[in-house]
PDB file of N, CA and C in Angstrom:
ATOM      1  N   UNK A   1      19.363  -3.596   9.139  1.00  0.00           N
ATOM      2  CA  UNK A   1      18.458  -3.474   8.016  1.00  0.00           C
ATOM      3  C   UNK A   1      17.604  -4.734   7.954  1.00  0.00           C
ATOM      4  N   UNK A   2      16.342  -4.554   7.664  1.00  0.00           N
ATOM      5  CA  UNK A   2      15.418  -5.687   7.566  1.00  0.00           C
ATOM      6  C   UNK A   2      15.471  -6.285   6.168  1.00  0.00           C
ATOM      7  N   UNK A   3      15.079  -7.534   6.068  1.00  0.00           N
ATOM      8  CA  UNK A   3      15.117  -8.251   4.798  1.00  0.00           C
ATOM      9  C   UNK A   3      14.309  -7.519   3.732  1.00  0.00           C
ATOM     10  N   UNK A   4      13.121  -7.040   4.068  1.00  0.00           N
ATOM     11  CA  UNK A   4      12.288  -6.344   3.077  1.00  0.00           C
ATOM     12  C   UNK A   4      12.951  -5.067   2.584  1.00  0.00           C
ATOM     13  N   UNK A   5      13.625  -4.343   3.480  1.00  0.00           N
ATOM     14  CA  UNK A   5      14.336  -3.124   3.083  1.00  0.00           C
ATOM     15  C   UNK A   5      15.479  -3.461   2.127  1.00  0.00           C
ATOM     16  N   UNK A   6      16.238  -4.476   2.477  1.00  0.00           N
ATOM     17  CA  UNK A   6      17.357  -4.890   1.626  1.00  0.00           C
ATOM     18  C   UNK A   6      16.844  -5.348   0.264  1.00  0.00           C
ATOM     19  N   UNK A   7      15.744  -6.094   0.256  1.00  0.00           N
ATOM     20  CA  UNK A   7      15.180  -6.583  -1.001  1.00  0.00           C
ATOM     21  C   UNK A   7      14.750  -5.423  -1.898  1.00  0.00           C
ATOM     22  N   UNK A   8      14.162  -4.393  -1.327  1.00  0.00           N
ATOM     23  CA  UNK A   8      13.732  -3.231  -2.120  1.00  0.00           C
ATOM     24  C   UNK A   8      14.931  -2.508  -2.726  1.00  0.00           C
ATOM     25  N   UNK A   9      15.992  -2.383  -1.968  1.00  0.00           N
ATOM     26  CA  UNK A   9      17.196  -1.717  -2.473  1.00  0.00           C
ATOM     27  C   UNK A   9      17.863  -2.553  -3.562  1.00  0.00           C
ATOM     28  N   UNK A  10      17.931  -3.848  -3.343  1.00  0.00           N
ATOM     29  CA  UNK A  10      18.523  -4.723  -4.347  1.00  0.00           C
ATOM     30  C   UNK A  10      17.664  -4.778  -5.610  1.00  0.00           C
ATOM     31  N   UNK A  11      16.341  -4.697  -5.444  1.00  0.00           N
ATOM     32  CA  UNK A  11      15.456  -4.660  -6.609  1.00  0.00           C
ATOM     33  C   UNK A  11      15.726  -3.404  -7.439  1.00  0.00           C
ATOM     34  N   UNK A  12      15.906  -2.276  -6.762  1.00  0.00           N
ATOM     35  CA  UNK A  12      16.204  -1.030  -7.470  1.00  0.00           C
ATOM     36  C   UNK A  12      17.518  -1.149  -8.231  1.00  0.00           C
ATOM     37  N   UNK A  13      18.486  -1.810  -7.657  1.00  0.00           N
ATOM     38  CA  UNK A  13      19.787  -1.972  -8.310  1.00  0.00           C
ATOM     39  C   UNK A  13      19.787  -3.097  -9.336  1.00  0.00           C
ATOM     40  N   UNK A  14      18.695  -3.870  -9.394  1.00  0.00           N
ATOM     41  CA  UNK A  14      18.601  -4.997 -10.302  1.00  0.00           C
ATOM     42  C   UNK A  14      18.365  -4.611 -11.760  1.00  0.00           C
ATOM     43  N   UNK A  15      18.200  -3.350 -12.022  1.00  0.00           N
ATOM     44  CA  UNK A  15      18.036  -2.856 -13.384  1.00  0.00           C
ATOM     45  C   UNK A  15      19.397  -2.334 -13.850  1.00  0.00           C
ATOM     46  N   UNK A  16      19.832  -2.738 -15.029  1.00  0.00           N
ATOM     47  CA  UNK A  16      21.187  -2.383 -15.468  1.00  0.00           C
ATOM     48  C   UNK A  16      21.382  -0.867 -15.607  1.00  0.00           C
ATOM     49  N   UNK A  17      20.370  -0.148 -16.041  1.00  0.00           N
ATOM     50  CA  UNK A  17      20.506   1.309 -16.157  1.00  0.00           C
ATOM     51  C   UNK A  17      20.650   1.946 -14.784  1.00  0.00           C
ATOM     52  N   UNK A  18      19.826   1.522 -13.844  1.00  0.00           N
ATOM     53  CA  UNK A  18      19.928   2.078 -12.484  1.00  0.00           C
ATOM     54  C   UNK A  18      21.259   1.713 -11.849  1.00  0.00           C
ATOM     55  N   UNK A  19      21.745   0.524 -12.108  1.00  0.00           N
ATOM     56  CA  UNK A  19      23.039   0.125 -11.560  1.00  0.00           C
ATOM     57  C   UNK A  19      24.153   0.986 -12.147  1.00  0.00           C
ATOM     58  N   UNK A  20      24.081   1.299 -13.423  1.00  0.00           N
ATOM     59  CA  UNK A  20      25.085   2.178 -14.047  1.00  0.00           C
ATOM     60  C   UNK A  20      25.019   3.582 -13.442  1.00  0.00           C
ATOM     61  N   UNK A  21      23.823   4.087 -13.225  1.00  0.00           N
ATOM     62  CA  UNK A  21      23.656   5.407 -12.606  1.00  0.00           C
ATOM     63  C   UNK A  21      24.258   5.389 -11.208  1.00  0.00           C
ATOM     64  N   UNK A  22      23.903   4.376 -10.435  1.00  0.00           N
ATOM     65  CA  UNK A  22      24.373   4.291  -9.052  1.00  0.00           C
ATOM     66  C   UNK A  22      25.895   4.173  -8.985  1.00  0.00           C
ATOM     67  N   UNK A  23      26.466   3.343  -9.821  1.00  0.00           N
ATOM     68  CA  UNK A  23      27.926   3.191  -9.815  1.00  0.00           C
ATOM     69  C   UNK A  23      28.616   4.493 -10.194  1.00  0.00           C
ATOM     70  N   UNK A  24      28.041   5.231 -11.121  1.00  0.00           N
ATOM     71  CA  UNK A  24      28.607   6.534 -11.504  1.00  0.00           C
ATOM     72  C   UNK A  24      28.588   7.493 -10.329  1.00  0.00           C
ATOM     73  N   UNK A  25      27.509   7.459  -9.570  1.00  0.00           N
ATOM     74  CA  UNK A  25      27.412   8.351  -8.408  1.00  0.00           C
ATOM     75  C   UNK A  25      28.352   7.924  -7.291  1.00  0.00           C
ATOM     76  N   UNK A  26      28.510   6.637  -7.098  1.00  0.00           N
ATOM     77  CA  UNK A  26      29.464   6.139  -6.101  1.00  0.00           C
ATOM     78  C   UNK A  26      30.878   6.571  -6.489  1.00  0.00           C
ATOM     79  N   UNK A  27      31.204   6.453  -7.766  1.00  0.00           N
ATOM     80  CA  UNK A  27      32.535   6.862  -8.252  1.00  0.00           C
ATOM     81  C   UNK A  27      32.752   8.362  -8.095  1.00  0.00           C
ATOM     82  N   UNK A  28      31.672   9.154  -8.205  1.00  0.00           N
ATOM     83  CA  UNK A  28      31.789  10.617  -8.144  1.00  0.00           C
ATOM     84  C   UNK A  28      32.161  11.115  -6.753  1.00  0.00           C
ATOM     85  N   UNK A  29      31.939  10.317  -5.743  1.00  0.00           N
ATOM     86  CA  UNK A  29      32.273  10.729  -4.385  1.00  0.00           C
ATOM     87  C   UNK A  29      31.287  11.728  -3.820  1.00  0.00           C
ATOM     88  N   UNK A  30      31.739  12.436  -2.813  1.00  0.00           N
ATOM     89  CA  UNK A  30      30.871  13.358  -2.074  1.00  0.00           C
ATOM     90  C   UNK A  30      30.330  14.497  -2.933  1.00  0.00           C
ATOM     91  N   UNK A  31      31.029  14.867  -3.979  1.00  0.00           N
ATOM     92  CA  UNK A  31      30.580  15.966  -4.841  1.00  0.00           C
ATOM     93  C   UNK A  31      29.334  15.606  -5.630  1.00  0.00           C
ATOM     94  N   UNK A  32      29.124  14.317  -5.879  1.00  0.00           N
ATOM     95  CA  UNK A  32      27.979  13.886  -6.662  1.00  0.00           C
ATOM     96  C   UNK A  32      28.112  14.299  -8.116  1.00  0.00           C
ATOM     97  N   UNK A  33      27.023  14.164  -8.850  1.00  0.00           N
ATOM     98  CA  UNK A  33      27.008  14.536 -10.261  1.00  0.00           C
ATOM     99  C   UNK A  33      25.700  15.242 -10.580  1.00  0.00           C
ATOM    100  N   UNK A  34      25.805  16.267 -11.384  1.00  0.00           N
ATOM    101  CA  UNK A  34      24.611  16.946 -11.866  1.00  0.00           C
ATOM    102  C   UNK A  34      23.851  15.998 -12.787  1.00  0.00           C
ATOM    103  N   UNK A  35      22.537  16.107 -12.793  1.00  0.00           N
ATOM    104  CA  UNK A  35      21.720  15.246 -13.638  1.00  0.00           C
ATOM    105  C   UNK A  35      22.147  15.372 -15.102  1.00  0.00           C
ATOM    106  N   UNK A  36      22.410  16.578 -15.555  1.00  0.00           N
ATOM    107  CA  UNK A  36      22.852  16.783 -16.936  1.00  0.00           C
ATOM    108  C   UNK A  36      24.150  16.062 -17.239  1.00  0.00           C
ATOM    109  N   UNK A  37      25.057  16.069 -16.301  1.00  0.00           N
ATOM    110  CA  UNK A  37      26.344  15.376 -16.473  1.00  0.00           C
ATOM    111  C   UNK A  37      26.130  13.863 -16.523  1.00  0.00           C
ATOM    112  N   UNK A  38      25.252  13.365 -15.666  1.00  0.00           N
ATOM    113  CA  UNK A  38      24.923  11.935 -15.696  1.00  0.00           C
ATOM    114  C   UNK A  38      24.352  11.556 -17.057  1.00  0.00           C
ATOM    115  N   UNK A  39      23.470  12.393 -17.567  1.00  0.00           N
ATOM    116  CA  UNK A  39      22.830  12.141 -18.851  1.00  0.00           C
ATOM    117  C   UNK A  39      23.873  12.084 -19.969  1.00  0.00           C
ATOM    118  N   UNK A  40      24.810  13.025 -19.955  1.00  0.00           N
ATOM    119  CA  UNK A  40      25.883  13.042 -20.958  1.00  0.00           C
ATOM    120  C   UNK A  40      26.781  11.817 -20.833  1.00  0.00           C
ATOM    121  N   UNK A  41      27.174  11.540 -19.616  1.00  0.00           N
ATOM    122  CA  UNK A  41      28.121  10.461 -19.352  1.00  0.00           C
ATOM    123  C   UNK A  41      27.551   9.093 -19.731  1.00  0.00           C
ATOM    124  N   UNK A  42      26.283   8.864 -19.395  1.00  0.00           N
ATOM    125  CA  UNK A  42      25.692   7.550 -19.613  1.00  0.00           C
ATOM    126  C   UNK A  42      24.882   7.452 -20.902  1.00  0.00           C
ATOM    127  N   UNK A  43      24.719   8.577 -21.589  1.00  0.00           N
ATOM    128  CA  UNK A  43      23.980   8.599 -22.851  1.00  0.00           C
ATOM    129  C   UNK A  43      22.572   8.021 -22.684  1.00  0.00           C
ATOM    130  N   UNK A  44      21.856   8.566 -21.720  1.00  0.00           N
ATOM    131  CA  UNK A  44      20.493   8.142 -21.412  1.00  0.00           C
ATOM    132  C   UNK A  44      19.557   9.310 -21.709  1.00  0.00           C
ATOM    133  N   UNK A  45      18.430   9.013 -22.321  1.00  0.00           N
ATOM    134  CA  UNK A  45      17.443  10.057 -22.599  1.00  0.00           C
ATOM    135  C   UNK A  45      16.985  10.699 -21.286  1.00  0.00           C
ATOM    136  N   UNK A  46      16.772  12.009 -21.272  1.00  0.00           N
ATOM    137  CA  UNK A  46      16.399  12.705 -20.033  1.00  0.00           C
ATOM    138  C   UNK A  46      15.186  12.109 -19.309  1.00  0.00           C
ATOM    139  N   UNK A  47      14.145  11.746 -20.036  1.00  0.00           N
ATOM    140  CA  UNK A  47      12.955  11.196 -19.380  1.00  0.00           C
ATOM    141  C   UNK A  47      13.247   9.823 -18.775  1.00  0.00           C
ATOM    142  N   UNK A  48      14.050   9.028 -19.455  1.00  0.00           N
ATOM    143  CA  UNK A  48      14.440   7.711 -18.935  1.00  0.00           C
ATOM    144  C   UNK A  48      15.303   7.878 -17.693  1.00  0.00           C
ATOM    145  N   UNK A  49      16.240   8.799 -17.745  1.00  0.00           N
ATOM    146  CA  UNK A  49      17.114   9.057 -16.602  1.00  0.00           C
ATOM    147  C   UNK A  49      16.298   9.496 -15.399  1.00  0.00           C
ATOM    148  N   UNK A  50      15.364  10.385 -15.615  1.00  0.00           N
ATOM    149  CA  UNK A  50      14.509  10.881 -14.533  1.00  0.00           C
ATOM    150  C   UNK A  50      13.740   9.739 -13.876  1.00  0.00           C
ATOM    151  N   UNK A  51      13.209   8.849 -14.683  1.00  0.00           N
ATOM    152  CA  UNK A  51      12.469   7.679 -14.181  1.00  0.00           C
ATOM    153  C   UNK A  51      13.362   6.811 -13.287  1.00  0.00           C
ATOM    154  N   UNK A  52      14.567   6.543 -13.739  1.00  0.00           N
ATOM    155  CA  UNK A  52      15.471   5.673 -12.983  1.00  0.00           C
ATOM    156  C   UNK A  52      16.000   6.362 -11.728  1.00  0.00           C
ATOM    157  N   UNK A  53      16.269   7.645 -11.809  1.00  0.00           N
ATOM    158  CA  UNK A  53      16.711   8.387 -10.628  1.00  0.00           C
ATOM    159  C   UNK A  53      15.632   8.352  -9.556  1.00  0.00           C
ATOM    160  N   UNK A  54      14.391   8.531  -9.968  1.00  0.00           N
ATOM    161  CA  UNK A  54      13.280   8.505  -9.006  1.00  0.00           C
ATOM    162  C   UNK A  54      13.241   7.174  -8.267  1.00  0.00           C
ATOM    163  N   UNK A  55      13.419   6.067  -8.988  1.00  0.00           N
ATOM    164  CA  UNK A  55      13.415   4.746  -8.353  1.00  0.00           C
ATOM    165  C   UNK A  55      14.542   4.614  -7.335  1.00  0.00           C
ATOM    166  N   UNK A  56      15.706   5.158  -7.647  1.00  0.00           N
ATOM    167  CA  UNK A  56      16.842   5.102  -6.716  1.00  0.00           C
ATOM    168  C   UNK A  56      16.617   5.998  -5.504  1.00  0.00           C
ATOM    169  N   UNK A  57      15.973   7.135  -5.711  1.00  0.00           N
ATOM    170  CA  UNK A  57      15.650   8.033  -4.595  1.00  0.00           C
ATOM    171  C   UNK A  57      14.636   7.357  -3.672  1.00  0.00           C
ATOM    172  N   UNK A  58      13.589   6.761  -4.249  1.00  0.00           N
ATOM    173  CA  UNK A  58      12.560   6.083  -3.452  1.00  0.00           C
ATOM    174  C   UNK A  58      13.175   4.949  -2.629  1.00  0.00           C
ATOM    175  N   UNK A  59      14.142   4.247  -3.206  1.00  0.00           N
ATOM    176  CA  UNK A  59      14.821   3.157  -2.490  1.00  0.00           C
ATOM    177  C   UNK A  59      15.788   3.672  -1.434  1.00  0.00           C
ATOM    178  N   UNK A  60      16.056   4.989  -1.440  1.00  0.00           N
ATOM    179  CA  UNK A  60      16.969   5.571  -0.458  1.00  0.00           C
ATOM    180  C   UNK A  60      18.433   5.448  -0.828  1.00  0.00           C
ATOM    181  N   UNK A  61      18.701   5.000  -2.042  1.00  0.00           N
ATOM    182  CA  UNK A  61      20.086   4.787  -2.450  1.00  0.00           C
ATOM    183  C   UNK A  61      20.784   6.065  -2.878  1.00  0.00           C
ATOM    184  N   UNK A  62      20.016   7.039  -3.344  1.00  0.00           N
ATOM    185  CA  UNK A  62      20.602   8.322  -3.713  1.00  0.00           C
ATOM    186  C   UNK A  62      19.758   9.464  -3.164  1.00  0.00           C
ATOM    187  N   UNK A  63      20.384  10.626  -3.074  1.00  0.00           N
ATOM    188  CA  UNK A  63      19.696  11.852  -2.681  1.00  0.00           C
ATOM    189  C   UNK A  63      19.924  12.885  -3.774  1.00  0.00           C
ATOM    190  N   UNK A  64      19.085  13.901  -3.774  1.00  0.00           N
ATOM    191  CA  UNK A  64      19.227  14.981  -4.739  1.00  0.00           C
ATOM    192  C   UNK A  64      19.226  16.311  -3.999  1.00  0.00           C
ATOM    193  N   UNK A  65      20.066  17.215  -4.472  1.00  0.00           N
ATOM    194  CA  UNK A  65      20.164  18.557  -3.895  1.00  0.00           C
ATOM    195  C   UNK A  65      20.125  19.548  -5.049  1.00  0.00           C
ATOM    196  N   UNK A  66      19.316  20.577  -4.894  1.00  0.00           N
ATOM    197  CA  UNK A  66      19.266  21.619  -5.918  1.00  0.00           C
ATOM    198  C   UNK A  66      20.314  22.664  -5.580  1.00  0.00           C
ATOM    199  N   UNK A  67      21.160  22.960  -6.566  1.00  0.00           N
ATOM    200  CA  UNK A  67      22.178  23.999  -6.447  1.00  0.00           C
ATOM    201  C   UNK A  67      21.859  25.036  -7.513  1.00  0.00           C
ATOM    202  N   UNK A  68      21.137  26.075  -7.125  1.00  0.00           N
ATOM    203  CA  UNK A  68      20.619  27.080  -8.066  1.00  0.00           C
ATOM    204  C   UNK A  68      19.712  26.383  -9.071  1.00  0.00           C
ATOM    205  N   UNK A  69      20.115  26.334 -10.338  1.00  0.00           N
ATOM    206  CA  UNK A  69      19.277  25.692 -11.354  1.00  0.00           C
ATOM    207  C   UNK A  69      19.721  24.265 -11.658  1.00  0.00           C
ATOM    208  N   UNK A  70      20.724  23.785 -10.963  1.00  0.00           N
ATOM    209  CA  UNK A  70      21.276  22.450 -11.228  1.00  0.00           C
ATOM    210  C   UNK A  70      20.824  21.469 -10.155  1.00  0.00           C
ATOM    211  N   UNK A  71      20.362  20.306 -10.588  1.00  0.00           N
ATOM    212  CA  UNK A  71      19.982  19.241  -9.677  1.00  0.00           C
ATOM    213  C   UNK A  71      21.148  18.261  -9.603  1.00  0.00           C
ATOM    214  N   UNK A  72      21.695  18.092  -8.399  1.00  0.00           N
ATOM    215  CA  UNK A  72      22.873  17.245  -8.199  1.00  0.00           C
ATOM    216  C   UNK A  72      22.465  15.991  -7.434  1.00  0.00           C
ATOM    217  N   UNK A  73      22.877  14.839  -7.940  1.00  0.00           N
ATOM    218  CA  UNK A  73      22.588  13.559  -7.305  1.00  0.00           C
ATOM    219  C   UNK A  73      23.819  13.071  -6.547  1.00  0.00           C
ATOM    220  N   UNK A  74      23.555  12.448  -5.394  1.00  0.00           N
ATOM    221  CA  UNK A  74      24.623  11.914  -4.547  1.00  0.00           C
ATOM    222  C   UNK A  74      24.268  10.492  -4.137  1.00  0.00           C
ATOM    223  N   UNK A  75      25.245   9.620  -4.137  1.00  0.00           N
ATOM    224  CA  UNK A  75      25.050   8.287  -3.575  1.00  0.00           C
ATOM    225  C   UNK A  75      24.886   8.439  -2.069  1.00  0.00           C
ATOM    226  N   UNK A  76      23.969   7.686  -1.498  1.00  0.00           N
ATOM    227  CA  UNK A  76      23.777   7.686  -0.045  1.00  0.00           C
ATOM    228  C   UNK A  76      24.681   6.583   0.504  1.00  0.00           C
ATOM    229  N   UNK A  77      25.874   6.978   0.923  1.00  0.00           N
ATOM    230  CA  UNK A  77      26.873   6.001   1.359  1.00  0.00           C
ATOM    231  C   UNK A  77      26.467   5.278   2.642  1.00  0.00           C
ATOM    232  N   UNK A  78      25.705   5.927   3.489  1.00  0.00           N
ATOM    233  CA  UNK A  78      25.237   5.274   4.712  1.00  0.00           C
ATOM    234  C   UNK A  78      24.343   4.089   4.364  1.00  0.00           C
ATOM    235  N   UNK A  79      23.427   4.304   3.435  1.00  0.00           N
ATOM    236  CA  UNK A  79      22.538   3.227   2.996  1.00  0.00           C
ATOM    237  C   UNK A  79      23.335   2.147   2.275  1.00  0.00           C
ATOM    238  N   UNK A  80      24.263   2.550   1.419  1.00  0.00           N
ATOM    239  CA  UNK A  80      25.088   1.586   0.692  1.00  0.00           C
ATOM    240  C   UNK A  80      25.862   0.699   1.678  1.00  0.00           C
ATOM    241  N   UNK A  81      26.480   1.316   2.658  1.00  0.00           N
ATOM    242  CA  UNK A  81      27.246   0.546   3.641  1.00  0.00           C
ATOM    243  C   UNK A  81      26.347  -0.374   4.446  1.00  0.00           C
ATOM    244  N   UNK A  82      25.144   0.099   4.779  1.00  0.00           N
ATOM    245  CA  UNK A  82      24.188  -0.742   5.506  1.00  0.00           C
ATOM    246  C   UNK A  82      23.772  -1.950   4.693  1.00  0.00           C
ATOM    247  N   UNK A  83      23.586  -1.765   3.392  1.00  0.00           N
ATOM    248  CA  UNK A  83      23.209  -2.875   2.523  1.00  0.00           C
ATOM    249  C   UNK A  83      24.352  -3.883   2.410  1.00  0.00           C
ATOM    250  N   UNK A  84      25.555  -3.394   2.242  1.00  0.00           N
ATOM    251  CA  UNK A  84      26.712  -4.298   2.168  1.00  0.00           C
ATOM    252  C   UNK A  84      26.871  -5.051   3.488  1.00  0.00           C
ATOM    253  N   UNK A  85      26.729  -4.357   4.605  1.00  0.00           N
ATOM    254  CA  UNK A  85      26.821  -5.014   5.917  1.00  0.00           C
ATOM    255  C   UNK A  85      25.747  -6.085   6.062  1.00  0.00           C
ATOM    256  N   UNK A  86      24.532  -5.775   5.606  1.00  0.00           N
ATOM    257  CA  UNK A  86      23.451  -6.753   5.661  1.00  0.00           C
ATOM    258  C   UNK A  86      23.820  -8.004   4.868  1.00  0.00           C
ATOM    259  N   UNK A  87      24.391  -7.814   3.691  1.00  0.00           N
ATOM    260  CA  UNK A  87      24.719  -8.942   2.822  1.00  0.00           C
ATOM    261  C   UNK A  87      25.820  -9.826   3.392  1.00  0.00           C
ATOM    262  N   UNK A  88      26.756  -9.240   4.121  1.00  0.00           N
ATOM    263  CA  UNK A  88      27.885 -10.030   4.623  1.00  0.00           C
ATOM    264  C   UNK A  88      27.794 -10.356   6.118  1.00  0.00           C
ATOM    265  N   UNK A  89      26.759  -9.896   6.769  1.00  0.00           N
ATOM    266  CA  UNK A  89      26.648 -10.038   8.228  1.00  0.00           C
ATOM    267  C   UNK A  89      26.760 -11.479   8.705  1.00  0.00           C
ATOM    268  N   UNK A  90      26.211 -12.383   7.965  1.00  0.00           N
ATOM    269  CA  UNK A  90      26.217 -13.767   8.415  1.00  0.00           C
ATOM    270  C   UNK A  90      27.060 -14.655   7.504  1.00  0.00           C
ATOM    271  N   UNK A  91      28.023 -14.044   6.868  1.00  0.00           N
ATOM    272  CA  UNK A  91      28.898 -14.789   5.966  1.00  0.00           C
ATOM    273  C   UNK A  91      29.533 -15.970   6.704  1.00  0.00           C
ATOM    274  N   UNK A  92      29.355 -17.132   6.158  1.00  0.00           N
ATOM    275  CA  UNK A  92      29.972 -18.374   6.646  1.00  0.00           C
ATOM    276  C   UNK A  92      29.486 -18.797   8.027  1.00  0.00           C
ATOM    277  N   UNK A  93      28.389 -18.209   8.512  1.00  0.00           N
ATOM    278  CA  UNK A  93      27.892 -18.515   9.860  1.00  0.00           C
ATOM    279  C   UNK A  93      27.532 -19.983  10.030  1.00  0.00           C
ATOM    280  N   UNK A  94      27.087 -20.629   8.987  1.00  0.00           N
ATOM    281  CA  UNK A  94      26.690 -22.029   9.089  1.00  0.00           C
ATOM    282  C   UNK A  94      27.736 -22.982   8.509  1.00  0.00           C
ATOM    283  N   UNK A  95      28.920 -22.470   8.237  1.00  0.00           N
ATOM    284  CA  UNK A  95      29.960 -23.296   7.616  1.00  0.00           C
ATOM    285  C   UNK A  95      30.304 -24.507   8.475  1.00  0.00           C
ATOM    286  N   UNK A  96      30.344 -24.336   9.781  1.00  0.00           N
ATOM    287  CA  UNK A  96      30.706 -25.441  10.670  1.00  0.00           C
ATOM    288  C   UNK A  96      29.654 -26.545  10.611  1.00  0.00           C
ATOM    289  N   UNK A  97      28.392 -26.191  10.338  1.00  0.00           N
ATOM    290  CA  UNK A  97      27.332 -27.178  10.240  1.00  0.00           C
ATOM    291  C   UNK A  97      27.470 -28.063   9.000  1.00  0.00           C
ATOM    292  N   UNK A  98      28.198 -27.568   8.016  1.00  0.00           N
ATOM    293  CA  UNK A  98      28.339 -28.294   6.761  1.00  0.00           C
ATOM    294  C   UNK A  98      29.520 -29.254   6.746  1.00  0.00           C
ATOM    295  N   UNK A  99      30.321 -29.231   7.793  1.00  0.00           N
ATOM    296  CA  UNK A  99      31.483 -30.125   7.864  1.00  0.00           C
ATOM    297  C   UNK A  99      31.017 -31.477   8.382  1.00  0.00           C
ATOM    298  N   UNK A 100      31.309 -32.514   7.653  1.00  0.00           N
ATOM    299  CA  UNK A 100      30.910 -33.861   8.056  1.00  0.00           C
ATOM    300  C   UNK A 100      32.012 -34.450   8.940  1.00  0.00           C
ATOM    301  N   UNK A 101      31.611 -34.896  10.111  1.00  0.00           N
ATOM    302  CA  UNK A 101      32.590 -35.498  11.027  1.00  0.00           C
ATOM    303  C   UNK A 101      32.642 -36.992  10.869  1.00  0.00           C
ATOM    304  N   UNK A 102      31.694 -37.561  10.135  1.00  0.00           N
ATOM    305  CA  UNK A 102      31.661 -39.005   9.899  1.00  0.00           C
ATOM    306  C   UNK A 102      32.656 -39.335   8.792  1.00  0.00           C
ATOM    307  N   UNK A 103      33.641 -40.147   9.085  1.00  0.00           N
ATOM    308  CA  UNK A 103      34.686 -40.463   8.112  1.00  0.00           C
ATOM    309  C   UNK A 103      34.169 -41.312   6.953  1.00  0.00           C
ATOM    310  N   UNK A 104      33.008 -41.933   7.094  1.00  0.00           N
ATOM    311  CA  UNK A 104      32.473 -42.756   5.996  1.00  0.00           C
ATOM    312  C   UNK A 104      31.741 -41.908   4.965  1.00  0.00           C
ATOM    313  N   UNK A 105      31.539 -40.643   5.238  1.00  0.00           N
ATOM    314  CA  UNK A 105      30.788 -39.803   4.301  1.00  0.00           C
ATOM    315  C   UNK A 105      31.623 -39.311   3.164  1.00  0.00           C
TER     316      UNK A 105
END
């Protein structure tokens, strides 16, 4: 994942309402959650929920599937895992550079 892609996804998650929506979908697992159920669970006005869902869809963090008259949202676990991998990919890579070998320091 490129830095700009990761930044866009993190920006989408940087809003507390979107983060609550996303966490609810992650918790729901593969079955996802119907938009109406999300609205009930999180107590968010329908127009506000729609706005935030759109931002998460544009960022690629969630997908939507229509099941008859119900719109079901799903966390995109592939994207989520890619973002987490991006964040930890270089964990502690420069740690050895920070160790001072000079005993007077």
